[in-house]
Amino acid sequence: MQVIYKYPIDPIPDQVLTVHGGIRFLDIAVQRGQVCIWVLKEKESDWPRDLRIRIIGTGHNIPDEILLEWHYWKTLHMLEGSLVLHVFVNMPHLIGRK
């Protein structure tokens, strides 16, 4: 059985999210000031998977590896739009399509 899970994450440049089971990213958004990722995953699974996420602010340098090997996912607006963050993932095939 599959379930939608929410994972709060910090708006920091480089992080790893460990999720158990096969997953597909559904969305990333700011909910009540907290950056959250929603994924579709197997409800009961012990198979761990590390997902790398890069968050880069507007005006900050983007490393070449990000442009060449990562996939742009979404732009987030925080603090009433005064902080704009751009999210990249290294597993684009896991991003759900609308």
N, C-alpha and C. Protein backbone atom coordinates (compact mmCIF):
# COMPACT_ATOMS: atom_id res chain seq x y z
N MET A 1 0.84 -1.17 0.00
CA MET A 1 0.00 0.00 0.00
C MET A 1 0.88 1.24 0.00
N GLN A 2 0.47 2.26 -0.73
CA GLN A 2 1.22 3.50 -0.77
C GLN A 2 0.51 4.58 0.04
N VAL A 3 1.32 5.47 0.61
CA VAL A 3 0.83 6.53 1.48
C VAL A 3 1.58 7.81 1.14
N ILE A 4 0.93 8.95 1.31
CA ILE A 4 1.62 10.23 1.16
C ILE A 4 2.17 10.63 2.52
N TYR A 5 3.48 10.90 2.56
CA TYR A 5 4.15 11.34 3.78
C TYR A 5 4.67 12.75 3.59
N LYS A 6 4.76 13.47 4.70
CA LYS A 6 5.33 14.82 4.70
C LYS A 6 6.61 14.80 5.52
N TYR A 7 7.67 15.40 4.97
CA TYR A 7 8.95 15.50 5.67
C TYR A 7 9.33 16.97 5.78
N PRO A 8 9.38 17.53 6.99
CA PRO A 8 9.88 18.89 7.15
C PRO A 8 11.40 18.88 6.93
N ILE A 9 11.91 19.89 6.23
CA ILE A 9 13.35 20.01 6.03
C ILE A 9 13.77 21.43 6.35
N ASP A 10 15.06 21.61 6.58
CA ASP A 10 15.60 22.95 6.83
C ASP A 10 15.95 23.61 5.50
N PRO A 11 15.76 24.92 5.39
CA PRO A 11 16.13 25.62 4.15
C PRO A 11 17.63 25.90 4.10
N ILE A 12 18.42 24.84 4.14
CA ILE A 12 19.89 24.96 4.09
C ILE A 12 20.37 24.47 2.73
N PRO A 13 21.58 24.87 2.31
CA PRO A 13 22.02 24.58 0.95
C PRO A 13 22.09 23.12 0.55
N ASP A 14 22.61 22.26 1.39
CA ASP A 14 22.84 20.87 0.98
C ASP A 14 22.38 19.95 2.10
N GLN A 15 21.51 19.03 1.76
CA GLN A 15 21.04 18.10 2.78
C GLN A 15 20.64 16.77 2.17
N VAL A 16 20.56 15.79 3.05
CA VAL A 16 20.16 14.44 2.66
C VAL A 16 18.90 14.08 3.44
N LEU A 17 17.91 13.60 2.72
CA LEU A 17 16.67 13.13 3.32
C LEU A 17 16.64 11.62 3.16
N THR A 18 16.62 10.88 4.27
CA THR A 18 16.57 9.43 4.20
C THR A 18 15.11 8.98 4.31
N VAL A 19 14.68 8.28 3.28
CA VAL A 19 13.30 7.80 3.20
C VAL A 19 13.35 6.29 3.02
N HIS A 20 12.47 5.58 3.70
CA HIS A 20 12.41 4.12 3.57
C HIS A 20 11.35 3.75 2.54
N GLY A 21 11.75 2.92 1.59
CA GLY A 21 10.83 2.44 0.56
C GLY A 21 10.97 3.21 -0.73
N GLY A 22 10.40 2.66 -1.79
CA GLY A 22 10.38 3.34 -3.07
C GLY A 22 9.52 4.58 -2.96
N ILE A 23 9.99 5.68 -3.53
CA ILE A 23 9.26 6.93 -3.37
C ILE A 23 9.13 7.68 -4.68
N ARG A 24 8.24 8.66 -4.66
CA ARG A 24 8.14 9.64 -5.74
C ARG A 24 7.85 10.98 -5.08
N PHE A 25 8.65 12.00 -5.40
CA PHE A 25 8.39 13.34 -4.90
C PHE A 25 7.07 13.83 -5.46
N LEU A 26 6.25 14.42 -4.62
CA LEU A 26 5.01 15.02 -5.08
C LEU A 26 5.10 16.54 -5.11
N ASP A 27 5.60 17.13 -4.01
CA ASP A 27 5.68 18.58 -3.96
C ASP A 27 6.65 19.01 -2.88
N ILE A 28 7.12 20.24 -3.00
CA ILE A 28 7.87 20.91 -1.95
C ILE A 28 7.26 22.29 -1.84
N ALA A 29 7.00 22.71 -0.60
CA ALA A 29 6.35 23.99 -0.39
C ALA A 29 6.63 24.46 1.04
N VAL A 30 6.26 25.70 1.29
CA VAL A 30 6.37 26.26 2.63
C VAL A 30 5.00 26.17 3.29
N GLN A 31 4.94 25.50 4.43
CA GLN A 31 3.70 25.35 5.18
C GLN A 31 3.90 25.96 6.57
N ARG A 32 3.19 27.03 6.84
CA ARG A 32 3.32 27.74 8.13
C ARG A 32 4.77 28.07 8.47
N GLY A 33 5.53 28.53 7.48
CA GLY A 33 6.92 28.94 7.68
C GLY A 33 7.93 27.82 7.62
N GLN A 34 7.51 26.58 7.47
CA GLN A 34 8.39 25.41 7.44
C GLN A 34 8.44 24.83 6.03
N VAL A 35 9.65 24.60 5.50
CA VAL A 35 9.78 23.94 4.20
C VAL A 35 9.46 22.46 4.40
N CYS A 36 8.57 21.93 3.57
CA CYS A 36 8.16 20.52 3.67
C CYS A 36 8.20 19.87 2.29
N ILE A 37 8.50 18.59 2.30
CA ILE A 37 8.45 17.77 1.08
C ILE A 37 7.39 16.70 1.28
N TRP A 38 6.55 16.53 0.28
CA TRP A 38 5.55 15.47 0.30
C TRP A 38 5.97 14.42 -0.71
N VAL A 39 5.95 13.15 -0.27
CA VAL A 39 6.34 12.04 -1.13
C VAL A 39 5.28 10.95 -1.08
N LEU A 40 5.20 10.21 -2.15
CA LEU A 40 4.37 9.01 -2.22
C LEU A 40 5.31 7.84 -2.02
N LYS A 41 5.04 7.00 -1.01
CA LYS A 41 5.97 5.90 -0.72
C LYS A 41 5.21 4.68 -0.21
N GLU A 42 5.92 3.57 -0.22
CA GLU A 42 5.36 2.35 0.34
C GLU A 42 5.17 2.54 1.84
N LYS A 43 4.02 2.14 2.35
CA LYS A 43 3.71 2.36 3.76
C LYS A 43 4.67 1.62 4.68
N GLU A 44 4.96 0.38 4.37
CA GLU A 44 5.85 -0.41 5.23
C GLU A 44 7.00 -0.93 4.39
N SER A 45 8.17 -0.35 4.61
CA SER A 45 9.36 -0.78 3.89
C SER A 45 10.59 -0.44 4.71
N ASP A 46 11.56 -1.33 4.72
CA ASP A 46 12.81 -1.10 5.44
C ASP A 46 13.93 -0.68 4.51
N TRP A 47 13.64 -0.55 3.22
CA TRP A 47 14.66 -0.22 2.23
C TRP A 47 14.96 1.28 2.28
N PRO A 48 16.12 1.68 2.86
CA PRO A 48 16.43 3.10 2.98
C PRO A 48 16.96 3.67 1.65
N ARG A 49 16.61 4.92 1.41
CA ARG A 49 17.09 5.60 0.21
C ARG A 49 17.45 7.03 0.62
N ASP A 50 18.66 7.45 0.28
CA ASP A 50 19.11 8.81 0.58
C ASP A 50 18.86 9.70 -0.63
N LEU A 51 18.14 10.79 -0.41
CA LEU A 51 17.82 11.74 -1.45
C LEU A 51 18.53 13.04 -1.16
N ARG A 52 19.35 13.50 -2.09
CA ARG A 52 20.07 14.76 -1.90
C ARG A 52 19.26 15.91 -2.46
N ILE A 53 19.22 16.97 -1.70
CA ILE A 53 18.47 18.17 -2.05
C ILE A 53 19.42 19.36 -1.92
N ARG A 54 19.42 20.22 -2.94
CA ARG A 54 20.21 21.45 -2.89
C ARG A 54 19.26 22.63 -2.97
N ILE A 55 19.43 23.57 -2.07
CA ILE A 55 18.61 24.77 -2.04
C ILE A 55 19.54 25.97 -2.20
N ILE A 56 19.27 26.78 -3.23
CA ILE A 56 20.15 27.89 -3.56
C ILE A 56 19.32 29.17 -3.62
N GLY A 57 19.76 30.17 -2.89
CA GLY A 57 19.05 31.45 -2.85
C GLY A 57 19.30 32.28 -4.10
N THR A 58 18.36 33.13 -4.42
CA THR A 58 18.52 34.05 -5.54
C THR A 58 19.76 34.91 -5.30
N GLY A 59 20.58 35.04 -6.35
CA GLY A 59 21.80 35.84 -6.26
C GLY A 59 23.02 35.07 -5.79
N HIS A 60 22.84 33.82 -5.37
CA HIS A 60 23.97 33.01 -4.91
C HIS A 60 24.56 32.23 -6.09
N ASN A 61 25.84 31.92 -6.01
CA ASN A 61 26.49 31.14 -7.06
C ASN A 61 25.95 29.72 -7.09
N ILE A 62 25.81 29.19 -8.30
CA ILE A 62 25.37 27.81 -8.49
C ILE A 62 26.57 27.01 -8.99
N PRO A 63 27.03 25.99 -8.23
CA PRO A 63 28.15 25.17 -8.69
C PRO A 63 27.84 24.50 -10.03
N ASP A 64 28.86 24.35 -10.86
CA ASP A 64 28.69 23.73 -12.18
C ASP A 64 28.06 22.35 -12.08
N GLU A 65 28.44 21.57 -11.06
CA GLU A 65 27.88 20.22 -10.93
C GLU A 65 26.36 20.25 -10.79
N ILE A 66 25.83 21.28 -10.15
CA ILE A 66 24.38 21.38 -10.00
C ILE A 66 23.73 21.60 -11.37
N LEU A 67 24.31 22.49 -12.16
CA LEU A 67 23.75 22.77 -13.48
C LEU A 67 23.86 21.58 -14.42
N LEU A 68 24.90 20.77 -14.27
CA LEU A 68 25.14 19.65 -15.18
C LEU A 68 24.46 18.36 -14.75
N GLU A 69 24.39 18.11 -13.45
CA GLU A 69 23.97 16.79 -12.97
C GLU A 69 22.68 16.78 -12.16
N TRP A 70 22.15 17.92 -11.83
CA TRP A 70 20.97 17.99 -11.00
C TRP A 70 19.79 18.51 -11.81
N HIS A 71 18.61 18.38 -11.25
CA HIS A 71 17.38 18.81 -11.91
C HIS A 71 16.72 19.91 -11.09
N TYR A 72 16.42 21.04 -11.73
CA TYR A 72 15.67 22.10 -11.05
C TYR A 72 14.27 21.56 -10.76
N TRP A 73 13.80 21.76 -9.53
CA TRP A 73 12.48 21.26 -9.15
C TRP A 73 11.47 22.39 -9.00
N LYS A 74 11.79 23.36 -8.13
CA LYS A 74 10.78 24.36 -7.82
C LYS A 74 11.42 25.56 -7.13
N THR A 75 10.75 26.70 -7.19
CA THR A 75 11.16 27.90 -6.47
C THR A 75 10.20 28.11 -5.29
N LEU A 76 10.79 28.40 -4.12
CA LEU A 76 10.01 28.63 -2.90
C LEU A 76 10.14 30.09 -2.49
N HIS A 77 9.04 30.66 -2.00
CA HIS A 77 9.02 32.03 -1.49
C HIS A 77 8.77 31.97 0.01
N MET A 78 9.71 32.54 0.76
CA MET A 78 9.59 32.54 2.22
C MET A 78 9.61 33.97 2.74
N LEU A 79 9.24 34.14 3.99
CA LEU A 79 9.27 35.44 4.66
C LEU A 79 8.56 36.50 3.83
N GLU A 80 7.33 36.18 3.44
CA GLU A 80 6.49 37.08 2.64
C GLU A 80 7.16 37.51 1.35
N GLY A 81 7.93 36.60 0.77
CA GLY A 81 8.57 36.85 -0.52
C GLY A 81 9.93 37.51 -0.46
N SER A 82 10.41 37.83 0.74
CA SER A 82 11.71 38.49 0.83
C SER A 82 12.87 37.49 0.71
N LEU A 83 12.59 36.20 0.83
CA LEU A 83 13.60 35.16 0.65
C LEU A 83 13.07 34.20 -0.42
N VAL A 84 13.82 34.11 -1.53
CA VAL A 84 13.42 33.24 -2.63
C VAL A 84 14.49 32.17 -2.80
N LEU A 85 14.07 30.91 -2.71
CA LEU A 85 14.98 29.76 -2.76
C LEU A 85 14.63 28.87 -3.95
N HIS A 86 15.66 28.33 -4.59
CA HIS A 86 15.49 27.48 -5.76
C HIS A 86 15.97 26.07 -5.40
N VAL A 87 15.12 25.09 -5.62
CA VAL A 87 15.36 23.72 -5.15
C VAL A 87 15.77 22.84 -6.32
N PHE A 88 16.86 22.08 -6.11
CA PHE A 88 17.37 21.13 -7.09
C PHE A 88 17.44 19.75 -6.44
N VAL A 89 17.20 18.70 -7.20
CA VAL A 89 17.32 17.33 -6.71
C VAL A 89 18.21 16.55 -7.66
N ASN A 90 18.84 15.49 -7.14
CA ASN A 90 19.73 14.71 -7.98
C ASN A 90 19.06 13.46 -8.53
N MET A 91 17.77 13.33 -8.35
CA MET A 91 17.03 12.17 -8.87
C MET A 91 15.76 12.66 -9.56
N PRO A 92 15.88 13.29 -10.73
CA PRO A 92 14.70 13.88 -11.37
C PRO A 92 13.61 12.88 -11.72
N HIS A 93 13.97 11.62 -11.93
CA HIS A 93 12.97 10.62 -12.27
C HIS A 93 11.99 10.35 -11.12
N LEU A 94 12.31 10.85 -9.93
CA LEU A 94 11.43 10.64 -8.78
C LEU A 94 10.42 11.78 -8.60
N ILE A 95 10.51 12.80 -9.44
CA ILE A 95 9.59 13.93 -9.30
C ILE A 95 8.30 13.60 -10.03
N GLY A 96 7.19 13.71 -9.31
CA GLY A 96 5.87 13.42 -9.91
C GLY A 96 5.54 14.45 -10.96
N ARG A 97 4.85 14.03 -11.98
CA ARG A 97 4.42 14.93 -13.06
C ARG A 97 2.94 15.19 -12.93
N LYS A 98 2.54 16.40 -13.24
CA LYS A 98 1.12 16.76 -13.17
C LYS A 98 0.41 16.33 -14.41
